N, C-alpha and C. Protein backbone atom coordinates (compact mmCIF):
# COMPACT_ATOMS: atom_id res chain seq x y z
N MET A 1 126.04 164.22 78.08
CA MET A 1 125.98 164.79 79.42
C MET A 1 125.82 163.69 80.46
N PRO A 2 126.68 163.66 81.46
CA PRO A 2 126.57 162.60 82.47
C PRO A 2 125.29 162.74 83.28
N SER A 3 124.70 161.61 83.63
CA SER A 3 123.52 161.71 84.50
C SER A 3 123.98 161.73 85.95
N THR A 4 123.11 162.24 86.81
CA THR A 4 123.43 162.32 88.24
C THR A 4 122.30 161.67 89.05
N ILE A 5 122.62 161.38 90.28
CA ILE A 5 121.65 160.85 91.25
C ILE A 5 121.68 161.80 92.45
N ALA A 6 120.52 162.22 92.85
CA ALA A 6 120.44 163.10 94.01
C ALA A 6 120.25 162.25 95.31
N ILE A 7 120.96 162.64 96.32
CA ILE A 7 120.83 162.00 97.63
C ILE A 7 120.24 163.02 98.58
N GLU A 8 119.21 162.68 99.24
CA GLU A 8 118.57 163.63 100.18
C GLU A 8 119.23 163.50 101.55
N ILE A 9 119.76 164.60 102.00
CA ILE A 9 120.37 164.65 103.33
C ILE A 9 119.74 165.81 104.08
N PRO A 10 119.16 165.53 105.26
CA PRO A 10 118.49 166.60 105.99
C PRO A 10 119.43 167.79 106.24
N ARG A 11 118.89 168.98 106.14
CA ARG A 11 119.65 170.19 106.34
C ARG A 11 120.31 170.17 107.74
N GLU A 12 119.63 169.59 108.70
CA GLU A 12 120.19 169.53 110.06
C GLU A 12 121.53 168.78 110.11
N VAL A 13 121.64 167.78 109.24
CA VAL A 13 122.91 167.01 109.19
C VAL A 13 124.03 167.93 108.72
N PHE A 14 123.77 168.73 107.71
CA PHE A 14 124.81 169.69 107.27
C PHE A 14 125.17 170.67 108.35
N HIS A 15 124.16 171.13 109.02
CA HIS A 15 124.40 172.10 110.12
C HIS A 15 125.18 171.41 111.25
N ALA A 16 124.79 170.19 111.61
CA ALA A 16 125.45 169.50 112.71
C ALA A 16 126.94 169.22 112.33
N ALA A 17 127.15 168.89 111.06
CA ALA A 17 128.50 168.59 110.63
C ALA A 17 129.30 169.86 110.32
N ARG A 18 128.59 170.97 110.28
CA ARG A 18 129.21 172.27 109.91
C ARG A 18 129.91 172.18 108.58
N MET A 19 129.17 171.65 107.61
CA MET A 19 129.74 171.46 106.29
C MET A 19 128.73 171.99 105.24
N THR A 20 129.28 172.41 104.11
CA THR A 20 128.47 172.72 102.96
C THR A 20 128.20 171.44 102.19
N PRO A 21 127.24 171.45 101.27
CA PRO A 21 127.03 170.26 100.42
C PRO A 21 128.29 169.88 99.65
N GLU A 22 129.04 170.90 99.17
CA GLU A 22 130.27 170.65 98.43
C GLU A 22 131.31 169.94 99.29
N GLU A 23 131.41 170.40 100.57
CA GLU A 23 132.38 169.77 101.50
C GLU A 23 131.97 168.32 101.79
N MET A 24 130.68 168.09 101.96
CA MET A 24 130.15 166.73 102.22
C MET A 24 130.47 165.82 101.04
N LYS A 25 130.28 166.34 99.82
CA LYS A 25 130.57 165.54 98.64
C LYS A 25 132.06 165.21 98.58
N ARG A 26 132.92 166.17 98.89
CA ARG A 26 134.35 165.96 98.91
C ARG A 26 134.72 164.91 99.92
N GLU A 27 134.13 164.99 101.10
CA GLU A 27 134.45 164.00 102.17
C GLU A 27 134.02 162.60 101.76
N LEU A 28 132.87 162.50 101.12
CA LEU A 28 132.41 161.22 100.66
C LEU A 28 133.34 160.64 99.58
N ALA A 29 133.79 161.51 98.68
CA ALA A 29 134.70 161.08 97.64
C ALA A 29 136.02 160.59 98.22
N VAL A 30 136.56 161.30 99.19
CA VAL A 30 137.81 160.89 99.84
C VAL A 30 137.61 159.57 100.55
N HIS A 31 136.52 159.43 101.27
CA HIS A 31 136.25 158.20 102.00
C HIS A 31 136.16 157.02 101.04
N LEU A 32 135.38 157.18 99.97
CA LEU A 32 135.21 156.07 99.04
C LEU A 32 136.54 155.74 98.32
N PHE A 33 137.36 156.70 98.03
CA PHE A 33 138.68 156.46 97.48
C PHE A 33 139.53 155.69 98.47
N GLN A 34 139.56 156.14 99.69
CA GLN A 34 140.40 155.52 100.71
C GLN A 34 140.00 154.07 100.95
N ARG A 35 138.72 153.80 100.86
CA ARG A 35 138.24 152.41 101.04
C ARG A 35 138.38 151.56 99.79
N GLY A 36 138.84 152.16 98.71
CA GLY A 36 139.00 151.40 97.46
C GLY A 36 137.75 151.22 96.66
N ARG A 37 136.73 151.99 96.99
CA ARG A 37 135.44 151.84 96.29
C ARG A 37 135.37 152.73 95.03
N LEU A 38 136.20 153.75 94.96
CA LEU A 38 136.28 154.61 93.78
C LEU A 38 137.73 154.76 93.37
N SER A 39 137.94 154.83 92.05
CA SER A 39 139.29 155.08 91.54
C SER A 39 139.66 156.52 91.84
N PHE A 40 140.91 156.84 91.68
CA PHE A 40 141.37 158.22 91.87
C PHE A 40 140.61 159.17 90.97
N GLY A 41 140.47 158.81 89.70
CA GLY A 41 139.79 159.67 88.74
C GLY A 41 138.35 159.92 89.08
N LYS A 42 137.63 158.86 89.45
CA LYS A 42 136.22 159.01 89.76
C LYS A 42 136.00 159.80 91.08
N ALA A 43 136.89 159.52 92.06
CA ALA A 43 136.80 160.26 93.32
C ALA A 43 137.09 161.72 93.11
N ARG A 44 138.11 162.03 92.31
CA ARG A 44 138.48 163.40 92.00
C ARG A 44 137.33 164.10 91.31
N GLU A 45 136.73 163.42 90.37
CA GLU A 45 135.58 163.93 89.63
C GLU A 45 134.42 164.22 90.60
N MET A 46 134.14 163.29 91.49
CA MET A 46 133.06 163.47 92.44
C MET A 46 133.35 164.67 93.38
N ALA A 47 134.59 164.82 93.75
CA ALA A 47 134.98 165.91 94.66
C ALA A 47 134.97 167.26 93.94
N GLY A 48 134.92 167.25 92.60
CA GLY A 48 134.92 168.50 91.87
C GLY A 48 136.23 169.21 91.94
N MET A 49 137.32 168.43 91.93
CA MET A 49 138.65 169.01 92.09
C MET A 49 139.54 168.62 90.90
N THR A 50 140.59 169.40 90.69
CA THR A 50 141.58 169.04 89.68
C THR A 50 142.41 167.89 90.22
N VAL A 51 143.19 167.28 89.34
CA VAL A 51 144.09 166.17 89.76
C VAL A 51 145.03 166.70 90.87
N TRP A 52 145.65 167.85 90.61
CA TRP A 52 146.59 168.42 91.58
C TRP A 52 145.92 168.71 92.91
N GLU A 53 144.73 169.31 92.89
CA GLU A 53 144.03 169.65 94.14
C GLU A 53 143.66 168.38 94.92
N PHE A 54 143.22 167.35 94.21
CA PHE A 54 142.82 166.12 94.90
C PHE A 54 144.06 165.41 95.46
N GLN A 55 145.15 165.41 94.73
CA GLN A 55 146.40 164.85 95.24
C GLN A 55 146.85 165.59 96.50
N GLN A 56 146.77 166.91 96.48
CA GLN A 56 147.14 167.72 97.62
C GLN A 56 146.26 167.40 98.83
N LEU A 57 144.95 167.25 98.60
CA LEU A 57 144.03 166.94 99.66
C LEU A 57 144.35 165.58 100.30
N LEU A 58 144.58 164.58 99.45
CA LEU A 58 144.93 163.27 99.96
C LEU A 58 146.24 163.32 100.72
N GLY A 59 147.23 164.02 100.18
CA GLY A 59 148.53 164.14 100.84
C GLY A 59 148.42 164.82 102.19
N SER A 60 147.58 165.82 102.28
CA SER A 60 147.42 166.56 103.54
C SER A 60 146.81 165.65 104.62
N ARG A 61 146.16 164.55 104.20
CA ARG A 61 145.58 163.65 105.16
C ARG A 61 146.34 162.33 105.21
N ALA A 62 147.51 162.32 104.62
CA ALA A 62 148.40 161.13 104.61
C ALA A 62 147.69 159.89 104.03
N ILE A 63 146.87 160.12 103.02
CA ILE A 63 146.20 159.02 102.30
C ILE A 63 147.02 158.70 101.07
N LEU A 64 147.48 157.47 101.00
CA LEU A 64 148.28 157.06 99.88
C LEU A 64 147.41 156.89 98.61
N VAL A 65 147.99 157.29 97.49
CA VAL A 65 147.33 157.14 96.22
C VAL A 65 147.59 155.75 95.68
N HIS A 66 146.53 154.97 95.52
CA HIS A 66 146.64 153.61 94.97
C HIS A 66 146.07 153.73 93.56
N TYR A 67 146.95 153.62 92.60
CA TYR A 67 146.55 153.78 91.19
C TYR A 67 147.13 152.63 90.44
N ASP A 68 146.26 151.68 90.05
CA ASP A 68 146.70 150.50 89.34
C ASP A 68 146.24 150.51 87.90
N LEU A 69 146.52 149.44 87.18
CA LEU A 69 146.16 149.35 85.79
C LEU A 69 144.66 149.50 85.57
N GLU A 70 143.88 148.93 86.43
CA GLU A 70 142.42 149.03 86.31
C GLU A 70 141.97 150.50 86.44
N ASP A 71 142.56 151.23 87.36
CA ASP A 71 142.26 152.66 87.53
C ASP A 71 142.63 153.42 86.28
N TYR A 72 143.80 153.12 85.72
CA TYR A 72 144.27 153.76 84.50
C TYR A 72 143.30 153.53 83.35
N GLU A 73 142.93 152.29 83.15
CA GLU A 73 141.99 151.95 82.08
C GLU A 73 140.64 152.62 82.29
N GLU A 74 140.16 152.69 83.50
CA GLU A 74 138.91 153.37 83.81
C GLU A 74 139.02 154.84 83.48
N ASP A 75 140.12 155.48 83.82
CA ASP A 75 140.31 156.87 83.53
C ASP A 75 140.43 157.11 82.02
N LEU A 76 141.06 156.21 81.29
CA LEU A 76 141.13 156.32 79.85
C LEU A 76 139.73 156.26 79.23
N ASN A 77 138.91 155.33 79.70
CA ASN A 77 137.55 155.20 79.21
C ASN A 77 136.74 156.48 79.50
N THR A 78 136.94 157.02 80.73
CA THR A 78 136.24 158.26 81.02
C THR A 78 136.63 159.39 80.12
N LEU A 79 137.94 159.51 79.83
CA LEU A 79 138.39 160.54 78.94
C LEU A 79 137.82 160.36 77.54
N LYS A 80 137.73 159.12 77.10
CA LYS A 80 137.13 158.84 75.77
C LYS A 80 135.65 159.24 75.77
N GLU A 81 134.96 158.92 76.84
CA GLU A 81 133.51 159.22 76.91
C GLU A 81 133.21 160.71 76.86
N ILE A 82 134.10 161.49 77.49
CA ILE A 82 133.86 162.93 77.55
C ILE A 82 134.55 163.66 76.38
N GLY A 83 135.16 162.88 75.47
CA GLY A 83 135.76 163.47 74.28
C GLY A 83 137.06 164.18 74.50
N ARG A 84 137.80 163.79 75.48
CA ARG A 84 139.08 164.42 75.78
C ARG A 84 140.27 163.56 75.34
N LEU A 85 139.99 162.48 74.68
CA LEU A 85 141.07 161.61 74.21
C LEU A 85 140.75 161.10 72.85
């Protein structure tokens, strides 16, 4: 079972942003992917979306998918860790 880390964000921030915690998580995942800090697979996982849903989301925002050999290898390792490969 993967471990998680909780981040405390004041409720007022969610209200001010007019976002749910899930939407905030998705926005953070997109931002980190766009900045090159997360691979496509990890960002998609963080966003809680399928590959197709995350691709659609990125496309709707004109964010190019940068997927290199390192991303591929990281995704392979993740699949092995969760027993899907």
